[in-house]
Amino acid sequence: MDVAPIIAQLNKEKSIGHTNMYTALAGGTRSKVFLLYQEKGNACILKLNEAKVTKEEADFLSLYQPISLLPDLLAVDSLYQFMVYTYIPGSTANHQSSLLPTLVSELINHYQPVLNQHNWGWRDAPVSSWAQFLRDEVKAANAILTSHLDKLGVTIKAPFVVEHQKPIFQNQPYLIHGDCGVHNFIVREEKLAGVIDPTPILGWPHYDVIYAFFSSPSDLTKKAWDSAIAGLTIERPADSVLYEELLIGLYQRLGICLKHHPEDWSMYIQAWEYWNKIVSNQQLKLE
């Protein structure tokens, strides 16, 4: 889709400030992203994507409009071909541990449960339970890892997803970011200034904490984890369940690392060995 007619339409409708010029930014696999320069030095983001993806992202931003870390939704096409939201100045992060307390307190603690919703996982491919979603994520990671590990002669046992007979808390999912990693953090003056590009999931808030924690190999110590999770005041499971899901999140990250950032592989393998020992010790204490 040509961006010029869209900008002309937005200018004509006056749904946002008048755009004087624009520049293309790096987008995702399917999305196209443009920075729109407006009058009085203002700027905003125009994002083109598949309709179902745009709708999910727009719904997320609309629901959480009061949260200052998220961009404000300014306009959405009626057919969901594009959306416009505020530009958050800064740079993407390459570390996570110092940013996590702010992420938890200013974003994740404000997540809301989705009323009358009993599906879990990806909005466009929901499943019947949280455990089933995690099993699917482990299976996807395993498909990436298996051939590589065979070549290296390395064996990594995939974590087992427990289907808890008793609900660990209310059986109602929250709408969470879903892709809450450092690549989507905007940093300004070494502080977390924004979080962009949600891929919404129906799930538990602590999933985003785990995902964010393992999104960079820079500081994966137990001390850093304890500091991050300590600020989570919203619903969270017992420590036994939390540690189960920590290993699942790290296994998932191994697959992502191999696919997108193979240069980080050795650090994540060290983290896998480190966290397996910690989780084993914690499970012994909790028995």
Protein backbone atom coordinates (compact mmCIF):
# COMPACT_ATOMS: atom_id res chain seq x y z
CA MET A 1 0.00 0.00 0.00
CA ASP A 2 1.31 3.44 -0.99
CA VAL A 3 1.74 5.62 2.08
CA ALA A 4 1.25 9.00 0.35
CA PRO A 5 -2.55 8.64 -0.14
CA ILE A 6 -2.92 7.61 3.50
CA ILE A 7 -1.09 10.70 4.70
CA ALA A 8 -3.17 12.86 2.33
CA GLN A 9 -6.32 11.29 3.76
CA LEU A 10 -5.19 11.90 7.35
CA ASN A 11 -4.37 15.52 6.53
CA LYS A 12 -7.75 16.02 4.85
CA GLU A 13 -9.68 14.46 7.74
CA LYS A 14 -7.58 16.38 10.27
CA SER A 15 -7.66 13.29 12.50
CA ILE A 16 -4.08 14.04 13.51
CA GLY A 17 -1.84 17.09 13.15
CA HIS A 18 -0.86 18.13 9.61
CA THR A 19 2.03 16.03 8.27
CA ASN A 20 4.70 17.97 6.39
CA MET A 21 7.07 15.10 5.60
CA TYR A 22 7.75 11.49 6.53
CA THR A 23 10.50 8.90 6.60
CA ALA A 24 10.41 5.09 6.57
CA LEU A 25 11.55 3.22 9.67
CA ALA A 26 12.52 -0.41 10.13
CA GLY A 27 9.33 -2.44 10.45
CA GLY A 28 8.53 -6.02 11.33
CA THR A 29 8.23 -9.05 9.06
CA ARG A 30 5.00 -7.80 7.49
CA SER A 31 4.52 -4.30 8.88
CA LYS A 32 5.61 -1.00 7.34
CA VAL A 33 6.37 1.86 9.73
CA PHE A 34 6.76 5.56 9.02
CA LEU A 35 7.70 8.53 11.17
CA LEU A 36 5.44 11.48 10.35
CA TYR A 37 6.85 14.96 10.95
CA GLN A 38 4.17 17.48 11.85
CA GLU A 39 3.72 21.14 12.62
CA LYS A 40 5.28 22.66 15.74
CA GLY A 41 7.94 19.95 15.83
CA ASN A 42 5.52 17.15 16.71
CA ALA A 43 5.83 13.62 15.34
CA CYS A 44 3.82 10.41 15.28
CA ILE A 45 4.04 6.87 13.91
CA LEU A 46 2.05 5.49 10.98
CA LYS A 47 2.02 1.69 10.96
CA LEU A 48 0.64 -0.51 8.17
CA ASN A 49 -0.02 -4.19 8.80
CA GLU A 50 -2.45 -7.04 8.26
CA ALA A 51 -5.94 -6.09 9.44
CA LYS A 52 -6.13 -8.66 12.23
CA VAL A 53 -2.72 -7.62 13.57
CA THR A 54 -3.58 -3.92 13.45
CA LYS A 55 -6.88 -4.54 15.24
CA GLU A 56 -5.26 -6.50 18.06
CA GLU A 57 -2.57 -3.86 18.58
CA ALA A 58 -5.09 -1.01 18.42
CA ASP A 59 -7.38 -2.75 20.92
CA PHE A 60 -4.47 -3.19 23.32
CA LEU A 61 -3.41 0.46 23.09
CA SER A 62 -7.01 1.61 23.43
CA LEU A 63 -7.61 -0.48 26.55
CA TYR A 64 -4.41 0.72 28.20
CA GLN A 65 -4.51 4.32 26.96
CA PRO A 66 -3.87 5.76 30.48
CA ILE A 67 -0.54 3.91 30.83
CA SER A 68 2.25 6.41 30.21
CA LEU A 69 4.78 3.84 28.95
CA LEU A 70 2.57 2.99 25.97
CA PRO A 71 2.08 5.23 22.93
CA ASP A 72 -1.28 7.00 22.65
CA LEU A 73 -3.52 5.71 19.88
CA LEU A 74 -4.41 8.65 17.58
CA ALA A 75 -6.24 7.09 14.64
CA VAL A 76 -7.23 3.68 13.26
CA ASP A 77 -8.41 2.90 9.74
CA SER A 78 -11.98 1.55 9.63
CA LEU A 79 -10.68 -1.53 7.76
CA TYR A 80 -7.66 -1.81 10.09
CA GLN A 81 -5.17 -1.39 7.25
CA PHE A 82 -3.20 1.13 9.31
CA MET A 83 -3.02 2.92 12.63
CA VAL A 84 -1.38 6.08 13.96
CA TYR A 85 0.07 6.52 17.44
CA THR A 86 2.33 8.94 19.26
CA TYR A 87 6.08 8.81 18.73
CA ILE A 88 8.18 8.04 21.82
CA PRO A 89 11.67 9.53 21.37
CA GLY A 90 14.65 7.50 22.53
CA SER A 91 16.61 4.43 21.49
CA THR A 92 16.00 0.70 21.80
CA ALA A 93 17.56 -1.05 24.77
CA ASN A 94 20.27 -3.72 24.76
CA HIS A 95 19.97 -4.61 28.44
CA GLN A 96 16.99 -5.29 30.65
CA SER A 97 17.69 -5.78 34.37
CA SER A 98 17.80 -2.10 35.38
CA LEU A 99 14.61 -1.42 33.40
CA LEU A 100 12.47 -4.23 34.78
CA PRO A 101 11.32 -2.60 38.05
CA THR A 102 9.88 0.31 36.04
CA LEU A 103 8.35 -2.07 33.49
CA VAL A 104 6.61 -4.01 36.25
CA SER A 105 5.40 -1.03 38.28
CA GLU A 106 4.33 1.21 35.41
CA LEU A 107 3.00 -1.31 32.87
CA ILE A 108 2.48 -4.88 34.01
CA ASN A 109 0.87 -4.04 37.36
CA HIS A 110 -1.84 -2.17 35.43
CA TYR A 111 -2.96 -5.09 33.27
CA GLN A 112 -6.66 -5.93 33.40
CA PRO A 113 -8.49 -9.26 33.24
CA VAL A 114 -10.65 -9.83 30.17
CA LEU A 115 -14.19 -10.36 31.41
CA ASN A 116 -16.21 -13.33 30.11
CA GLN A 117 -13.15 -14.68 28.33
CA HIS A 118 -12.11 -18.29 28.81
CA ASN A 119 -9.68 -18.74 25.94
CA TRP A 120 -5.93 -18.39 26.35
CA GLY A 121 -2.88 -17.56 24.28
CA TRP A 122 -2.70 -15.73 20.96
CA ARG A 123 -5.85 -13.78 20.17
CA ASP A 124 -6.01 -15.12 16.60
CA ALA A 125 -5.27 -18.73 17.62
CA PRO A 126 -6.61 -19.23 21.17
CA VAL A 127 -6.47 -22.49 23.11
CA SER A 128 -8.51 -23.84 25.99
CA SER A 129 -5.99 -23.43 28.83
CA TRP A 130 -2.83 -21.59 29.86
CA ALA A 131 -1.00 -24.91 30.16
CA GLN A 132 -1.90 -25.77 26.56
CA PHE A 133 -0.53 -22.42 25.39
CA LEU A 134 2.75 -23.06 27.22
CA ARG A 135 2.96 -26.58 25.77
CA ASP A 136 2.57 -25.14 22.29
CA GLU A 137 5.34 -22.61 22.99
CA VAL A 138 7.67 -25.37 24.22
CA LYS A 139 6.83 -27.45 21.14
CA ALA A 140 7.63 -24.52 18.83
CA ALA A 141 10.97 -23.92 20.58
CA ASN A 142 11.76 -27.63 20.44
CA ALA A 143 11.20 -27.68 16.68
CA ILE A 144 13.86 -24.98 16.28
CA LEU A 145 16.32 -26.46 18.77
CA THR A 146 16.30 -30.18 17.96
CA SER A 147 18.37 -30.27 14.77
CA HIS A 148 20.88 -27.73 16.10
CA LEU A 149 21.40 -29.61 19.35
CA ASP A 150 21.82 -32.89 17.46
CA LYS A 151 24.63 -31.36 15.40
CA LEU A 152 26.35 -30.14 18.56
CA GLY A 153 25.84 -33.44 20.34
CA VAL A 154 24.10 -31.56 23.14
CA THR A 155 21.02 -32.72 24.99
CA ILE A 156 18.63 -30.26 26.61
CA LYS A 157 15.55 -31.70 28.21
CA ALA A 158 12.48 -29.66 27.34
CA PRO A 159 10.63 -28.45 30.46
CA PHE A 160 7.44 -30.29 31.36
CA VAL A 161 4.28 -28.20 31.50
CA VAL A 162 2.16 -29.12 34.51
CA GLU A 163 -1.62 -28.99 34.15
CA HIS A 164 -2.56 -27.86 37.65
CA GLN A 165 -5.77 -29.52 38.80
CA LYS A 166 -6.68 -26.64 41.07
CA PRO A 167 -6.64 -23.15 39.56
CA ILE A 168 -3.54 -21.26 40.66
CA PHE A 169 -5.77 -18.20 40.89
CA GLN A 170 -8.84 -16.84 39.09
CA ASN A 171 -9.53 -18.69 35.87
CA GLN A 172 -9.72 -15.55 33.78
CA PRO A 173 -6.93 -14.29 31.51
CA TYR A 174 -5.45 -10.81 31.38
CA LEU A 175 -4.67 -8.98 28.16
CA ILE A 176 -0.87 -8.78 28.19
CA HIS A 177 1.73 -7.34 25.79
CA GLY A 178 3.04 -10.69 24.55
CA ASP A 179 6.32 -9.45 23.01
CA CYS A 180 7.67 -7.60 26.03
CA GLY A 181 11.40 -7.77 25.25
CA VAL A 182 14.26 -5.29 25.10
CA HIS A 183 13.83 -4.90 21.33
CA ASN A 184 10.52 -3.19 22.10
CA PHE A 185 11.79 -1.01 24.98
CA ILE A 186 12.44 2.68 24.32
CA VAL A 187 15.12 4.13 26.58
CA ARG A 188 15.84 7.79 27.20
CA GLU A 189 18.54 9.05 29.59
CA GLU A 190 19.11 5.41 30.67
CA LYS A 191 15.50 5.11 31.88
CA LEU A 192 12.58 3.19 30.42
CA ALA A 193 10.53 5.72 28.43
CA GLY A 194 8.23 3.47 26.44
CA VAL A 195 7.17 0.00 25.34
CA ILE A 196 6.00 -0.51 21.76
CA ASP A 197 4.71 -3.15 19.32
CA PRO A 198 2.46 -5.40 21.43
CA THR A 199 1.48 -8.81 20.12
CA PRO A 200 -1.35 -9.32 22.61
CA ILE A 201 -1.78 -12.58 24.49
CA LEU A 202 -4.58 -13.73 26.76
CA GLY A 203 -2.55 -14.87 29.75
CA TRP A 204 -1.01 -14.12 33.12
CA PRO A 205 0.92 -10.90 33.83
CA HIS A 206 4.00 -12.75 35.11
CA TYR A 207 4.52 -14.16 31.58
CA ASP A 208 5.56 -10.69 30.43
CA VAL A 209 7.98 -10.37 33.37
CA ILE A 210 9.62 -13.68 32.48
CA TYR A 211 9.73 -12.82 28.78
CA ALA A 212 11.30 -9.42 29.49
CA PHE A 213 13.82 -10.88 31.94
CA PHE A 214 15.18 -13.42 29.44
CA SER A 215 15.02 -11.07 26.43
CA SER A 216 18.69 -10.09 26.88
CA PRO A 217 21.54 -12.27 28.19
CA SER A 218 23.17 -9.29 29.91
CA ASP A 219 22.13 -10.03 33.52
CA LEU A 220 20.24 -13.25 34.16
CA THR A 221 21.16 -13.68 37.82
CA LYS A 222 18.73 -14.70 40.53
CA LYS A 223 19.35 -11.33 42.20
CA ALA A 224 18.16 -9.53 39.06
CA TRP A 225 15.10 -11.78 38.83
CA ASP A 226 14.19 -11.30 42.49
CA SER A 227 14.45 -7.53 42.04
CA ALA A 228 12.10 -7.62 39.05
CA ILE A 229 9.45 -9.97 40.41
CA ALA A 230 9.38 -8.31 43.85
CA GLY A 231 7.49 -5.36 42.40
CA LEU A 232 4.71 -7.46 40.86
CA THR A 233 1.66 -6.61 42.95
CA ILE A 234 -0.92 -7.91 40.50
CA GLU A 235 -2.07 -11.55 40.61
CA ARG A 236 0.80 -14.04 40.55
CA PRO A 237 1.15 -17.78 41.19
CA ALA A 238 2.93 -19.61 43.98
CA ASP A 239 6.72 -19.74 43.74
CA SER A 240 6.61 -23.40 42.70
CA VAL A 241 4.56 -22.53 39.61
CA LEU A 242 6.58 -19.40 38.94
CA TYR A 243 9.83 -21.38 38.82
CA GLU A 244 8.28 -23.95 36.49
CA GLU A 245 7.36 -21.15 34.10
CA LEU A 246 10.78 -19.51 34.42
CA LEU A 247 12.38 -22.57 32.83
CA ILE A 248 9.67 -22.66 30.17
CA GLY A 249 10.36 -19.00 29.37
CA LEU A 250 14.10 -19.62 29.14
CA TYR A 251 13.59 -22.66 26.90
CA GLN A 252 11.40 -20.53 24.68
CA ARG A 253 14.17 -17.91 24.62
CA LEU A 254 16.73 -20.54 23.53
CA GLY A 255 14.65 -21.12 20.42
CA ILE A 256 14.26 -17.40 19.74
CA CYS A 257 18.00 -16.90 20.27
CA LEU A 258 18.93 -19.61 17.79
CA LYS A 259 16.53 -18.23 15.18
CA HIS A 260 17.27 -14.51 15.51
CA HIS A 261 20.40 -13.95 17.66
CA PRO A 262 22.72 -16.99 17.39
CA GLU A 263 25.63 -14.83 18.60
CA ASP A 264 24.06 -14.95 22.10
CA TRP A 265 23.80 -18.75 22.17
CA SER A 266 26.73 -19.48 24.51
CA MET A 267 25.45 -17.01 27.11
CA TYR A 268 21.95 -18.47 27.06
CA ILE A 269 23.29 -22.01 27.41
CA GLN A 270 25.18 -20.88 30.52
CA ALA A 271 21.96 -19.31 31.79
CA TRP A 272 20.09 -22.58 31.14
CA GLU A 273 22.55 -24.54 33.29
CA TYR A 274 22.52 -21.83 35.97
CA TRP A 275 18.72 -21.64 36.20
CA ASN A 276 18.20 -25.39 36.13
CA LYS A 277 20.29 -25.66 39.29
CA ILE A 278 18.39 -22.80 40.95
CA VAL A 279 14.98 -24.23 40.06
CA SER A 280 15.98 -27.72 41.26
CA ASN A 281 17.14 -26.27 44.58
CA GLN A 282 13.97 -24.21 44.95
CA GLN A 283 11.78 -27.21 44.25
CA LEU A 284 13.61 -29.22 46.92
CA LYS A 285 13.01 -26.42 49.44
CA LEU A 286 9.31 -26.25 48.56
CA GLU A 287 8.72 -30.01 48.85
